C-alpha cells in the first residue's frame, strides 16, 4: 500500500513584499528619503545640498 504525498506550492506575492518594505531613511539625519526611479542615493536632498557647500 502506498501513501500519496501532496505538496501545495504557493506563489509568492512580490507586490505585497515591496509594499511592506519600510521607507528609505537618510544615513546622516534619519529623515525619510523621497526615492526616485533607479535612484541609489542614501542621503536626503537637505544633506546632499550641505555636502556641496
N, C-alpha and C. Protein backbone atom coordinates (compact mmCIF):
# COMPACT_ATOMS: atom_id res chain seq x y z
N UNK A 1 0.84 -1.17 0.00
CA UNK A 1 0.00 0.00 0.00
C UNK A 1 0.89 1.24 0.00
N UNK A 2 0.60 2.21 -0.86
CA UNK A 2 1.42 3.42 -0.95
C UNK A 2 0.64 4.63 -0.43
N UNK A 3 1.39 5.55 0.09
CA UNK A 3 0.80 6.78 0.61
C UNK A 3 1.09 7.89 -0.39
N UNK A 4 0.08 8.63 -0.75
CA UNK A 4 0.25 9.72 -1.70
C UNK A 4 0.53 11.01 -0.92
N UNK A 5 1.64 11.65 -1.24
CA UNK A 5 2.01 12.91 -0.59
C UNK A 5 1.74 14.04 -1.57
N UNK A 6 0.96 15.02 -1.12
CA UNK A 6 0.61 16.16 -1.95
C UNK A 6 1.33 17.39 -1.39
N UNK A 7 2.11 18.03 -2.24
CA UNK A 7 2.81 19.25 -1.84
C UNK A 7 2.14 20.42 -2.55
N UNK A 8 1.62 21.34 -1.77
CA UNK A 8 0.96 22.51 -2.34
C UNK A 8 1.96 23.64 -2.42
N UNK A 9 2.19 24.16 -3.60
CA UNK A 9 3.11 25.27 -3.79
C UNK A 9 2.31 26.57 -3.84
N UNK A 10 2.83 27.55 -3.17
CA UNK A 10 2.18 28.85 -3.22
C UNK A 10 3.07 29.82 -3.99
N UNK A 11 2.46 30.67 -4.73
CA UNK A 11 3.19 31.68 -5.50
C UNK A 11 3.43 32.87 -4.58
N UNK A 12 4.67 33.30 -4.43
CA UNK A 12 4.94 34.45 -3.55
C UNK A 12 4.32 35.72 -4.13
N UNK A 13 3.82 36.54 -3.24
CA UNK A 13 3.21 37.79 -3.64
C UNK A 13 4.27 38.89 -3.57
N UNK A 14 4.98 39.11 -4.68
CA UNK A 14 6.08 40.07 -4.71
C UNK A 14 5.60 41.50 -4.48
N UNK A 15 4.45 41.83 -5.00
CA UNK A 15 3.93 43.18 -4.83
C UNK A 15 3.70 43.49 -3.35
N UNK A 16 3.16 42.53 -2.63
CA UNK A 16 2.93 42.72 -1.19
C UNK A 16 4.26 42.87 -0.45
N UNK A 17 5.27 42.13 -0.87
CA UNK A 17 6.59 42.24 -0.25
C UNK A 17 7.13 43.66 -0.37
N UNK A 18 7.07 44.23 -1.57
CA UNK A 18 7.60 45.58 -1.77
C UNK A 18 6.76 46.65 -1.08
N UNK A 19 5.46 46.43 -0.97
CA UNK A 19 4.61 47.39 -0.27
C UNK A 19 4.91 47.41 1.23
N UNK A 20 5.37 46.30 1.77
CA UNK A 20 5.64 46.20 3.21
C UNK A 20 7.05 46.66 3.59
N UNK A 21 7.88 47.01 2.63
CA UNK A 21 9.23 47.50 2.96
C UNK A 21 9.14 48.86 3.64
N UNK A 22 9.97 49.08 4.64
CA UNK A 22 9.95 50.40 5.29
C UNK A 22 10.52 51.45 4.34
N UNK A 23 10.15 52.71 4.53
CA UNK A 23 10.71 53.76 3.67
C UNK A 23 12.21 53.93 3.91
N UNK A 24 12.92 54.35 2.89
CA UNK A 24 14.37 54.57 3.00
C UNK A 24 14.60 55.84 3.80
N UNK A 25 15.55 55.78 4.72
CA UNK A 25 15.86 56.96 5.53
C UNK A 25 17.29 57.41 5.25
N UNK A 26 17.52 58.70 5.46
CA UNK A 26 18.82 59.32 5.23
C UNK A 26 19.84 58.77 6.22
N UNK A 27 21.03 58.47 5.72
CA UNK A 27 22.07 57.92 6.60
C UNK A 27 22.66 58.98 7.52
N UNK A 28 22.51 60.27 7.18
CA UNK A 28 23.05 61.34 8.02
C UNK A 28 22.06 61.81 9.08
N UNK A 29 20.85 62.19 8.65
CA UNK A 29 19.91 62.80 9.59
C UNK A 29 18.73 61.92 9.96
N UNK A 30 18.46 60.86 9.20
CA UNK A 30 17.39 59.94 9.54
C UNK A 30 16.04 60.27 8.94
N UNK A 31 15.92 61.39 8.22
CA UNK A 31 14.65 61.74 7.58
C UNK A 31 14.36 60.78 6.43
N UNK A 32 13.07 60.65 6.10
CA UNK A 32 12.67 59.77 5.00
C UNK A 32 13.15 60.36 3.68
N UNK A 33 13.79 59.54 2.86
CA UNK A 33 14.30 59.96 1.56
C UNK A 33 13.20 59.74 0.54
N UNK A 34 12.90 60.78 -0.24
CA UNK A 34 11.93 60.65 -1.33
C UNK A 34 12.66 59.98 -2.48
N UNK A 35 12.30 58.74 -2.74
CA UNK A 35 13.02 57.97 -3.75
C UNK A 35 12.49 58.24 -5.14
N UNK A 36 13.39 58.17 -6.09
CA UNK A 36 13.03 58.28 -7.49
C UNK A 36 13.44 56.98 -8.18
N UNK A 37 12.86 56.74 -9.32
CA UNK A 37 13.14 55.53 -10.08
C UNK A 37 14.63 55.39 -10.35
N UNK A 38 15.18 54.22 -10.11
CA UNK A 38 16.59 53.92 -10.35
C UNK A 38 17.54 54.82 -9.57
N UNK A 39 17.15 55.21 -8.36
CA UNK A 39 17.99 56.05 -7.53
C UNK A 39 18.59 55.22 -6.41
N UNK A 40 19.89 55.32 -6.23
CA UNK A 40 20.56 54.58 -5.18
C UNK A 40 21.12 55.50 -4.10
N UNK A 41 20.60 56.72 -4.06
CA UNK A 41 21.05 57.70 -3.09
C UNK A 41 20.67 57.27 -1.67
N UNK A 42 21.54 57.55 -0.71
CA UNK A 42 21.26 57.20 0.68
C UNK A 42 21.12 58.43 1.56
N UNK A 43 21.15 59.62 0.92
CA UNK A 43 21.02 60.87 1.67
C UNK A 43 19.83 61.66 1.15
N UNK A 44 19.22 62.45 2.04
CA UNK A 44 18.10 63.29 1.64
C UNK A 44 18.63 64.53 0.90
N UNK A 45 17.73 65.26 0.26
CA UNK A 45 18.12 66.44 -0.50
C UNK A 45 18.82 67.48 0.38
N UNK A 46 18.36 67.65 1.61
CA UNK A 46 18.96 68.62 2.51
C UNK A 46 20.43 68.28 2.81
N UNK A 47 20.69 67.03 3.14
CA UNK A 47 22.08 66.62 3.45
C UNK A 47 22.95 66.64 2.20
N UNK A 48 22.38 66.34 1.05
CA UNK A 48 23.16 66.40 -0.20
C UNK A 48 23.57 67.84 -0.50
N UNK A 49 22.66 68.79 -0.24
CA UNK A 49 23.00 70.20 -0.51
C UNK A 49 24.04 70.71 0.48
N UNK A 50 24.05 70.20 1.72
CA UNK A 50 25.07 70.60 2.70
C UNK A 50 26.45 70.08 2.28
N UNK A 51 26.51 68.92 1.64
CA UNK A 51 27.79 68.34 1.21
C UNK A 51 28.44 69.17 0.12
N UNK A 52 27.64 69.87 -0.69
CA UNK A 52 28.18 70.64 -1.82
C UNK A 52 28.62 72.04 -1.41
N UNK A 53 28.33 72.45 -0.20
CA UNK A 53 28.72 73.79 0.25
C UNK A 53 30.15 73.84 0.70
